[in-house]
Amino acid sequence: MENNVSFLEEKKCTGCGLCSHICNRDAIKIVADPSKHHFIFPIIDKNKCTNCGLCLKKCPLNSHSIPSFTDNPTVILYKNDDHAQALESSSGGVFLVIAESVLKSNGIVYGASWSANLKVLHKRVTNANDLKPLLGSKYIQSYISKEIYKSIQEDISNGKRILFSGTPCQVAAVRNLFGKDIPKNLLLVEVICHGVPNQYGFDKQIEEEEQRIKGKIATFKFRYKKRIESNNRAFCYSYCKSGKEYQVSGSYEYLPYYSEFQNGKIYRKSCYACKFRNNHRFSDLTIGDFWGITKIDSSVKTEFGKSIIFINTEKGRELTSVLENKKEYDFDVCKNLNGAYLFDANVNSDYSIYESADKNHFMRFKTSHILVSTKILIKNALKFVSNFLTKTKYSYILLVKKKKL
């Protein structure tokens, strides 16, 4: 009987890639599998595999490591008062402050980053000026390469203070690199995660948009914010054409990939039965949006632009010592406010969106995406008049700004 991760069920594998790094025979590759809606999975080369079982032993799903989670973690509200930093962040900007403090102590930060071609992958950062690509939500599964895992091990061995940020399953994978004896200089921060779609789906959405605008998209933002204290479920992208730079922004309903993410329909199958929620935390800190804070604290005027922080370990408590203007709350009161903290998304997955992509008619705008509501239709009409009068380029997505390069 084979003794490797090929026997993991599709609905369980998280695609963390640790098995590929840990295999000393180079027998495991992590690839986007077309037969599994293009999500990444391990592929075993049977000619190289010796059935040593190391990949199964290190797999977070089979790990016997003791989670960091405590029965009653401390909960903190935080908002970054630096306006520019808060606009670049998805919620209250806590990650940037903590990451900067680690870098100031000659540490190193690892996190999900946009690459030059709009791919999402984990990156090693040693300078605060390079942190910006790590900020903000990226609703795509980040790829962690073998080189990144190797680099983390080397940095830890060299005594560097390491901060790793990722989804709960990715954090569990990094922790499993070191077994039960977790290095004191390894700091783990997980984001509250709904679930992850894949790079293929996003790439196809971008291809469709580029065909429509007849230009090349250079940057993209999920949860785009014009103001800190406002709804941040919009998107924004920029592109160049004929010597001019354009910026397109709009509500998530207008972008099918983003809309299906919000509806919880395009996550990988393991996300609908996540093994790393509830009392299976492997991180020092869990961070996310403090949704519902106004329900429990009338002194807080809005829930937008606020971070919730669950302190799971003493190392996590030390990390939050650099935060100013924080406020502590009772765990039992807060634990249900951000639903993704404890609960999986409903199993309403609909992968037809990926199947349509294979047929090259993936992200066509459907009536359901345009005729969202009377309010948006009126808003769109007003935007059309405004753009016409100001001689800016109109887009039915809501707004396009134009400026010379």
Protein backbone atom coordinates (compact mmCIF):
# COMPACT_ATOMS: atom_id res chain seq x y z
CA MET A 1 0.00 0.00 0.00
CA GLU A 2 1.30 3.43 -0.93
CA ASN A 3 2.16 5.66 1.99
CA ASN A 4 1.89 9.22 0.65
CA VAL A 5 -0.49 12.16 0.31
CA SER A 6 -1.99 10.87 -2.94
CA PHE A 7 -4.54 9.12 -0.75
CA LEU A 8 -5.83 12.34 0.75
CA GLU A 9 -9.37 13.02 -0.38
CA GLU A 10 -9.89 16.01 -2.66
CA LYS A 11 -12.30 17.53 -0.16
CA LYS A 12 -9.60 17.46 2.55
CA CYS A 13 -6.39 18.66 0.86
CA THR A 14 -5.77 22.38 1.38
CA GLY A 15 -3.04 22.78 -1.25
CA CYS A 16 -0.53 24.20 1.26
CA GLY A 17 2.40 22.61 -0.63
CA LEU A 18 4.30 21.48 2.47
CA CYS A 19 4.45 17.89 1.22
CA SER A 20 6.33 18.98 -1.90
CA HIS A 21 8.94 20.81 0.16
CA ILE A 22 9.34 18.05 2.74
CA CYS A 23 9.91 15.26 0.19
CA ASN A 24 13.66 14.62 -0.04
CA ARG A 25 13.20 12.62 -3.26
CA ASP A 26 11.60 15.52 -5.16
CA ALA A 27 8.71 13.15 -5.92
CA ILE A 28 5.87 15.62 -5.28
CA LYS A 29 4.84 18.54 -7.47
CA ILE A 30 2.09 21.03 -6.69
CA VAL A 31 0.10 21.74 -9.83
CA ALA A 32 -3.21 23.28 -10.86
CA ASP A 33 -5.30 20.24 -11.73
CA PRO A 34 -7.78 20.81 -14.63
CA SER A 35 -9.77 17.76 -13.52
CA LYS A 36 -10.31 19.42 -10.12
CA HIS A 37 -11.46 22.81 -11.38
CA HIS A 38 -7.85 24.05 -11.57
CA PHE A 39 -7.19 24.09 -7.82
CA ILE A 40 -3.64 23.17 -6.81
CA PHE A 41 -2.98 19.62 -5.58
CA PRO A 42 0.06 17.39 -5.02
CA ILE A 43 0.99 15.01 -7.85
CA ILE A 44 3.17 12.00 -6.95
CA ASP A 45 5.89 10.68 -9.25
CA LYS A 46 5.71 6.96 -8.43
CA ASN A 47 9.12 6.37 -9.98
CA LYS A 48 10.70 8.63 -7.34
CA CYS A 49 8.47 7.99 -4.33
CA THR A 50 9.88 5.50 -1.79
CA ASN A 51 6.74 5.45 0.42
CA CYS A 52 8.70 6.80 3.36
CA GLY A 53 5.55 8.46 4.70
CA LEU A 54 7.22 11.75 5.61
CA CYS A 55 4.76 13.80 3.57
CA LEU A 56 1.82 12.25 5.41
CA LYS A 57 3.52 12.74 8.77
CA LYS A 58 4.07 16.46 8.14
CA CYS A 59 0.72 17.12 6.45
CA PRO A 60 -1.26 19.54 8.68
CA LEU A 61 -4.35 17.36 8.24
CA ASN A 62 -2.56 14.42 9.89
CA SER A 63 -0.56 16.44 12.37
CA HIS A 64 -0.58 15.74 16.08
CA SER A 65 0.90 19.15 16.91
CA ILE A 66 -0.79 20.91 19.80
CA PRO A 67 -2.79 23.93 18.56
CA SER A 68 -2.07 27.40 19.98
CA PHE A 69 -5.72 28.15 20.63
CA THR A 70 -6.77 28.83 24.17
CA ASP A 71 -10.25 28.37 25.61
CA ASN A 72 -10.61 32.07 26.27
CA PRO A 73 -8.28 34.19 24.11
CA THR A 74 -8.00 37.93 24.63
CA VAL A 75 -9.89 39.96 22.02
CA ILE A 76 -8.74 43.41 20.94
CA LEU A 77 -10.23 46.14 18.75
CA TYR A 78 -7.69 48.14 16.77
CA LYS A 79 -7.84 50.91 14.21
CA ASN A 80 -4.76 52.38 12.53
CA ASP A 81 -5.00 56.17 12.84
CA ASP A 82 -2.57 56.69 9.96
CA HIS A 83 -5.00 57.60 7.16
CA ALA A 84 -2.78 56.48 4.27
CA GLN A 85 -1.94 53.15 5.88
CA ALA A 86 -5.58 52.46 6.77
CA LEU A 87 -6.68 53.02 3.16
CA GLU A 88 -4.15 50.46 1.92
CA SER A 89 -5.36 47.84 4.41
CA SER A 90 -8.49 45.69 4.25
CA SER A 91 -9.71 46.34 7.78
CA GLY A 92 -8.05 48.30 10.59
CA GLY A 93 -4.46 48.09 9.38
CA VAL A 94 -3.11 45.97 12.24
CA PHE A 95 -0.91 43.73 10.08
CA LEU A 96 1.15 46.64 8.75
CA VAL A 97 1.96 47.96 12.23
CA ILE A 98 2.98 44.54 13.53
CA ALA A 99 5.01 43.74 10.41
CA GLU A 100 6.88 47.04 10.65
CA SER A 101 7.74 46.35 14.29
CA VAL A 102 9.21 42.95 13.33
CA LEU A 103 11.29 44.47 10.54
CA LYS A 104 12.60 47.17 12.89
CA SER A 105 13.96 44.41 15.14
CA ASN A 106 15.97 43.06 12.17
CA GLY A 107 13.29 40.48 11.50
CA ILE A 108 11.78 39.13 8.29
CA VAL A 109 8.15 39.06 7.15
CA TYR A 110 6.46 36.49 4.92
CA GLY A 111 3.02 37.11 3.44
CA ALA A 112 0.77 36.83 0.40
CA SER A 113 1.77 39.30 -2.30
CA TRP A 114 0.72 40.37 -5.77
CA SER A 115 3.38 39.55 -8.35
CA ALA A 116 4.00 41.71 -11.43
CA ASN A 117 1.56 39.62 -13.52
CA LEU A 118 -1.25 39.62 -10.93
CA LYS A 119 -0.40 36.20 -9.52
CA VAL A 120 -0.74 35.75 -5.75
CA LEU A 121 2.18 34.06 -4.03
CA HIS A 122 3.99 34.21 -0.73
CA LYS A 123 6.95 36.57 -0.60
CA ARG A 124 9.87 37.22 1.76
CA VAL A 125 10.22 40.88 2.85
CA THR A 126 13.17 42.41 4.69
CA ASN A 127 12.45 46.12 4.18
CA ALA A 128 9.42 48.13 5.32
CA ASN A 129 9.29 49.85 1.92
CA ASP A 130 8.43 46.48 0.35
CA LEU A 131 5.47 45.69 2.61
CA LYS A 132 2.79 47.36 0.48
CA PRO A 133 2.21 44.35 -1.87
CA LEU A 134 1.45 42.24 1.22
CA LEU A 135 -1.38 44.54 2.34
CA GLY A 136 -5.04 44.17 1.48
CA SER A 137 -7.24 41.18 0.74
CA LYS A 138 -6.39 38.82 -2.08
CA TYR A 139 -9.29 36.50 -2.72
CA ILE A 140 -7.14 33.94 -4.49
CA GLN A 141 -5.28 30.99 -3.00
CA SER A 142 -1.69 32.11 -2.45
CA TYR A 143 1.03 29.78 -3.70
CA ILE A 144 3.79 28.91 -1.20
CA SER A 145 6.81 27.63 -3.11
CA LYS A 146 9.39 25.12 -1.91
CA GLU A 147 11.86 28.00 -1.89
CA ILE A 148 9.74 29.93 0.60
CA TYR A 149 9.50 26.97 3.00
CA LYS A 150 13.26 26.46 2.69
CA SER A 151 13.92 30.15 3.29
CA ILE A 152 11.78 30.14 6.44
CA GLN A 153 13.78 27.21 7.83
CA GLU A 154 17.09 28.89 7.02
CA ASP A 155 16.02 32.20 8.56
CA ILE A 156 14.91 30.44 11.74
CA SER A 157 18.21 28.51 11.90
CA ASN A 158 20.09 31.79 11.54
CA GLY A 159 18.29 33.23 14.55
CA LYS A 160 16.17 35.70 12.60
CA ARG A 161 12.84 36.81 14.02
CA ILE A 162 10.25 35.60 11.51
CA LEU A 163 6.67 36.75 11.05
CA PHE A 164 4.59 34.52 8.77
CA SER A 165 1.08 35.57 7.74
CA GLY A 166 -1.41 33.44 5.85
CA THR A 167 -4.66 31.51 5.97
CA PRO A 168 -5.16 29.15 8.95
CA CYS A 169 -4.18 26.06 6.92
CA GLN A 170 -1.03 27.77 5.64
CA VAL A 171 -0.07 28.81 9.16
CA ALA A 172 -0.56 25.21 10.32
CA ALA A 173 1.74 24.03 7.50
CA VAL A 174 4.53 26.43 8.49
CA ARG A 175 4.20 25.40 12.12
CA ASN A 176 4.50 21.74 11.10
CA LEU A 177 7.87 22.45 9.55
CA PHE A 178 9.25 22.41 13.08
CA GLY A 179 7.17 19.74 14.81
CA LYS A 180 6.16 20.20 18.42
CA ASP A 181 9.18 22.29 19.39
CA ILE A 182 8.09 25.63 17.94
CA PRO A 183 11.02 28.09 17.65
CA LYS A 184 10.70 31.13 19.88
CA ASN A 185 11.64 33.36 16.95
CA LEU A 186 8.75 32.10 14.77
CA LEU A 187 5.67 34.34 14.94
CA LEU A 188 2.48 33.15 13.24
CA VAL A 189 -0.43 35.37 12.23
CA GLU A 190 -3.50 33.96 10.51
CA VAL A 191 -6.23 35.90 8.77
CA ILE A 192 -9.88 35.05 9.33
CA CYS A 193 -10.66 33.14 6.15
CA HIS A 194 -13.98 32.47 4.39
CA GLY A 195 -12.36 30.13 1.88
CA VAL A 196 -10.14 30.43 -1.20
CA PRO A 197 -10.95 30.47 -4.93
CA ASN A 198 -8.15 29.73 -7.38
CA GLN A 199 -5.73 31.67 -9.56
CA TYR A 200 -7.17 30.23 -12.77
CA GLY A 201 -10.61 31.73 -12.17
CA PHE A 202 -9.17 35.16 -11.42
CA ASP A 203 -6.89 35.01 -14.48
CA LYS A 204 -9.89 34.29 -16.69
CA GLN A 205 -11.80 37.21 -15.17
CA ILE A 206 -8.86 39.51 -15.94
CA GLU A 207 -8.65 38.18 -19.51
CA GLU A 208 -12.33 38.95 -20.03
CA GLU A 209 -11.93 42.47 -18.64
CA GLU A 210 -8.89 43.14 -20.82
CA GLN A 211 -10.85 42.11 -23.90
CA ARG A 212 -13.64 44.49 -22.93
CA ILE A 213 -11.42 47.50 -22.21
CA LYS A 214 -8.91 46.64 -24.94
CA GLY A 215 -6.06 47.32 -22.55
CA LYS A 216 -3.66 45.61 -20.11
CA ILE A 217 -4.61 45.60 -16.43
CA ALA A 218 -1.60 46.50 -14.29
CA THR A 219 -2.96 46.53 -10.73
CA PHE A 220 -6.01 45.12 -8.97
CA LYS A 221 -7.53 45.65 -5.53
CA PHE A 222 -10.25 43.71 -3.77
CA ARG A 223 -12.08 45.63 -1.03
CA TYR A 224 -11.13 48.99 -2.46
CA LYS A 225 -11.76 51.92 -0.12
CA LYS A 226 -12.21 55.58 -1.05
CA ARG A 227 -12.77 56.42 2.59
CA ILE A 228 -11.75 54.58 5.74
CA GLU A 229 -15.15 54.57 7.42
CA SER A 230 -17.06 53.15 4.47
CA ASN A 231 -18.14 49.87 2.93
CA ASN A 232 -15.07 48.23 1.44
CA ARG A 233 -16.48 45.49 -0.78
CA ALA A 234 -15.70 47.36 -3.99
CA PHE A 235 -12.91 46.57 -6.44
CA CYS A 236 -10.53 48.78 -8.36
CA TYR A 237 -8.10 48.14 -11.20
CA SER A 238 -5.85 50.30 -13.34
CA TYR A 239 -4.78 49.93 -16.96
CA CYS A 240 -2.90 51.87 -19.60
CA LYS A 241 -4.07 52.65 -23.09
CA SER A 242 -2.89 55.13 -25.73
CA GLY A 243 -0.54 56.89 -23.34
CA LYS A 244 -3.16 57.38 -20.63
CA GLU A 245 -3.83 55.64 -17.35
CA TYR A 246 -7.38 54.59 -16.46
CA GLN A 247 -8.80 53.54 -13.13
CA VAL A 248 -11.97 51.47 -12.93
CA SER A 249 -13.85 50.92 -9.69
CA GLY A 250 -17.18 49.45 -8.78
CA SER A 251 -19.23 47.26 -6.48
CA TYR A 252 -18.34 43.59 -6.25
CA GLU A 253 -21.68 42.65 -7.89
CA TYR A 254 -20.30 43.88 -11.21
CA LEU A 255 -17.40 41.45 -11.28
CA PRO A 256 -18.63 37.83 -11.53
CA TYR A 257 -15.52 36.26 -9.93
CA TYR A 258 -15.78 38.64 -6.95
CA SER A 259 -19.54 38.20 -6.73
CA GLU A 260 -19.28 34.40 -6.64
CA PHE A 261 -16.60 34.66 -3.96
CA GLN A 262 -18.90 36.79 -1.81
CA ASN A 263 -21.65 34.21 -2.33
CA GLY A 264 -19.30 31.42 -1.16
CA LYS A 265 -19.62 29.36 -4.33
CA ILE A 266 -16.09 29.01 -5.69
CA TYR A 267 -13.90 27.98 -2.72
CA ARG A 268 -11.81 24.82 -2.83
CA LYS A 269 -13.68 21.87 -1.36
CA SER A 270 -11.62 21.70 1.84
CA CYS A 271 -12.84 25.19 2.78
CA TYR A 272 -16.40 23.97 3.30
CA ALA A 273 -15.22 21.66 6.09
CA CYS A 274 -12.15 23.53 7.35
CA LYS A 275 -10.08 21.68 9.96
CA PHE A 276 -8.41 24.85 11.21
CA ARG A 277 -11.26 26.87 12.68
CA ASN A 278 -12.83 26.78 16.12
CA ASN A 279 -10.44 25.14 18.62
CA HIS A 280 -7.78 24.20 16.07
CA ARG A 281 -5.75 27.40 15.91
CA PHE A 282 -2.04 27.09 15.20
CA SER A 283 -1.29 30.83 15.24
CA ASP A 284 -0.12 33.35 17.79
CA LEU A 285 -2.64 35.90 16.50
CA THR A 286 -5.85 35.68 14.50
CA ILE A 287 -6.80 38.93 12.73
CA GLY A 288 -9.70 40.12 10.60
CA ASP A 289 -12.57 42.60 10.38
CA PHE A 290 -14.43 43.52 13.53
CA TRP A 291 -17.86 43.10 11.99
CA GLY A 292 -20.70 43.77 14.42
CA ILE A 293 -18.66 45.81 16.88
CA THR A 294 -21.37 48.49 16.94
CA LYS A 295 -23.81 45.89 18.29
CA ILE A 296 -21.80 45.40 21.46
CA ASP A 297 -20.19 48.82 21.93
CA SER A 298 -22.25 51.96 21.29
CA SER A 299 -19.15 54.15 21.60
CA VAL A 300 -17.90 52.78 18.27
CA LYS A 301 -19.70 54.61 15.45
CA THR A 302 -19.05 52.21 12.57
CA GLU A 303 -17.69 48.71 12.04
CA PHE A 304 -15.81 49.60 8.85
CA GLY A 305 -12.05 49.99 9.09
CA LYS A 306 -11.73 48.13 12.40
CA SER A 307 -9.51 45.12 13.13
CA ILE A 308 -10.39 42.30 15.49
CA ILE A 309 -7.40 40.52 17.05
CA PHE A 310 -7.58 37.22 18.91
CA ILE A 311 -4.48 36.74 21.05
CA ASN A 312 -3.83 32.98 21.18
CA THR A 313 -0.39 32.84 22.83
CA GLU A 314 2.02 34.87 24.94
CA LYS A 315 4.07 35.54 21.82
CA GLY A 316 0.92 36.98 20.29
CA ARG A 317 0.40 39.20 23.31
CA GLU A 318 3.95 40.50 22.95
CA LEU A 319 3.33 41.30 19.28
CA THR A 320 0.32 43.46 20.14
CA SER A 321 2.31 45.50 22.66
CA VAL A 322 3.28 47.87 19.81
CA LEU A 323 -0.37 48.78 19.15
CA GLU A 324 -1.74 52.05 20.48
CA ASN A 325 -5.38 52.98 21.12
CA LYS A 326 -6.48 49.35 21.37
CA LYS A 327 -9.50 48.22 23.36
CA GLU A 328 -10.13 44.84 24.96
CA TYR A 329 -13.40 42.87 24.84
CA ASP A 330 -14.76 39.63 26.26
CA PHE A 331 -14.20 36.64 23.98
CA ASP A 332 -17.65 35.10 24.45
CA VAL A 333 -19.27 38.35 23.33
CA CYS A 334 -17.10 38.69 20.22
CA LYS A 335 -16.49 35.18 18.92
CA ASN A 336 -19.63 35.04 16.74
CA LEU A 337 -19.39 38.53 15.22
CA ASN A 338 -17.16 37.60 12.29
CA GLY A 339 -18.86 34.41 11.14
CA ALA A 340 -15.83 33.03 9.28
CA TYR A 341 -13.89 32.87 12.55
CA LEU A 342 -15.82 29.84 13.80
CA PHE A 343 -18.11 28.68 11.02
CA ASP A 344 -17.59 27.23 7.56
CA ALA A 345 -19.38 28.66 4.55
CA ASN A 346 -22.56 26.87 3.58
CA VAL A 347 -21.88 24.05 1.15
CA ASN A 348 -23.38 25.80 -1.87
CA SER A 349 -20.37 25.43 -4.15
CA ASP A 350 -21.08 25.91 -7.84
CA TYR A 351 -18.02 25.27 -9.97
CA SER A 352 -19.81 25.97 -13.25
CA ILE A 353 -17.99 29.28 -13.28
CA TYR A 354 -14.68 27.42 -13.71
CA GLU A 355 -16.19 25.00 -16.22
CA SER A 356 -17.43 27.91 -18.32
CA ALA A 357 -13.94 29.39 -18.23
CA ASP A 358 -12.58 26.31 -19.96
CA LYS A 359 -14.98 27.07 -22.82
CA ASN A 360 -13.75 30.68 -23.08
CA HIS A 361 -17.01 32.33 -22.13
CA PHE A 362 -16.34 32.53 -18.41
CA MET A 363 -16.94 36.01 -17.10
CA ARG A 364 -19.48 37.51 -19.45
CA PHE A 365 -21.57 40.03 -17.59
CA LYS A 366 -24.98 38.53 -16.96
CA THR A 367 -28.21 40.37 -16.30
CA SER A 368 -28.06 39.29 -12.68
CA HIS A 369 -24.73 41.04 -12.31
CA ILE A 370 -25.80 44.31 -13.93
CA LEU A 371 -29.41 44.71 -12.87
CA VAL A 372 -28.58 44.27 -9.21
CA SER A 373 -31.01 46.77 -7.75
CA THR A 374 -32.89 49.96 -8.53
CA LYS A 375 -30.49 51.87 -6.28
CA ILE A 376 -27.46 50.78 -8.30
CA LEU A 377 -29.22 51.43 -11.61
CA ILE A 378 -29.97 55.00 -10.54
CA LYS A 379 -26.42 55.41 -9.27
CA ASN A 380 -25.08 54.15 -12.59
CA ALA A 381 -27.27 56.58 -14.53
CA LEU A 382 -26.02 59.48 -12.43
CA LYS A 383 -22.44 58.33 -12.96
CA PHE A 384 -23.05 58.26 -16.71
CA VAL A 385 -24.29 61.86 -16.70
CA SER A 386 -21.44 62.94 -14.42
CA ASN A 387 -18.80 61.27 -16.56
CA PHE A 388 -20.31 62.71 -19.74
CA LEU A 389 -20.31 66.24 -18.34
CA THR A 390 -16.77 65.94 -17.00
CA LYS A 391 -15.61 64.21 -20.21
CA THR A 392 -14.25 61.17 -18.44
CA LYS A 393 -14.50 57.66 -19.87
CA TYR A 394 -17.78 55.99 -18.88
CA SER A 395 -17.99 52.39 -17.78
CA TYR A 396 -21.12 50.56 -16.71
CA ILE A 397 -19.05 49.22 -13.81
CA LEU A 398 -19.75 52.53 -12.04
CA LEU A 399 -16.79 54.85 -12.49
CA VAL A 400 -13.68 55.30 -14.58
CA LYS A 401 -11.13 58.02 -13.97
CA LYS A 402 -8.60 59.03 -16.58
CA LYS A 403 -5.31 60.89 -16.31
CA LYS A 404 -2.24 61.44 -18.45
CA LEU A 405 0.85 59.39 -17.66
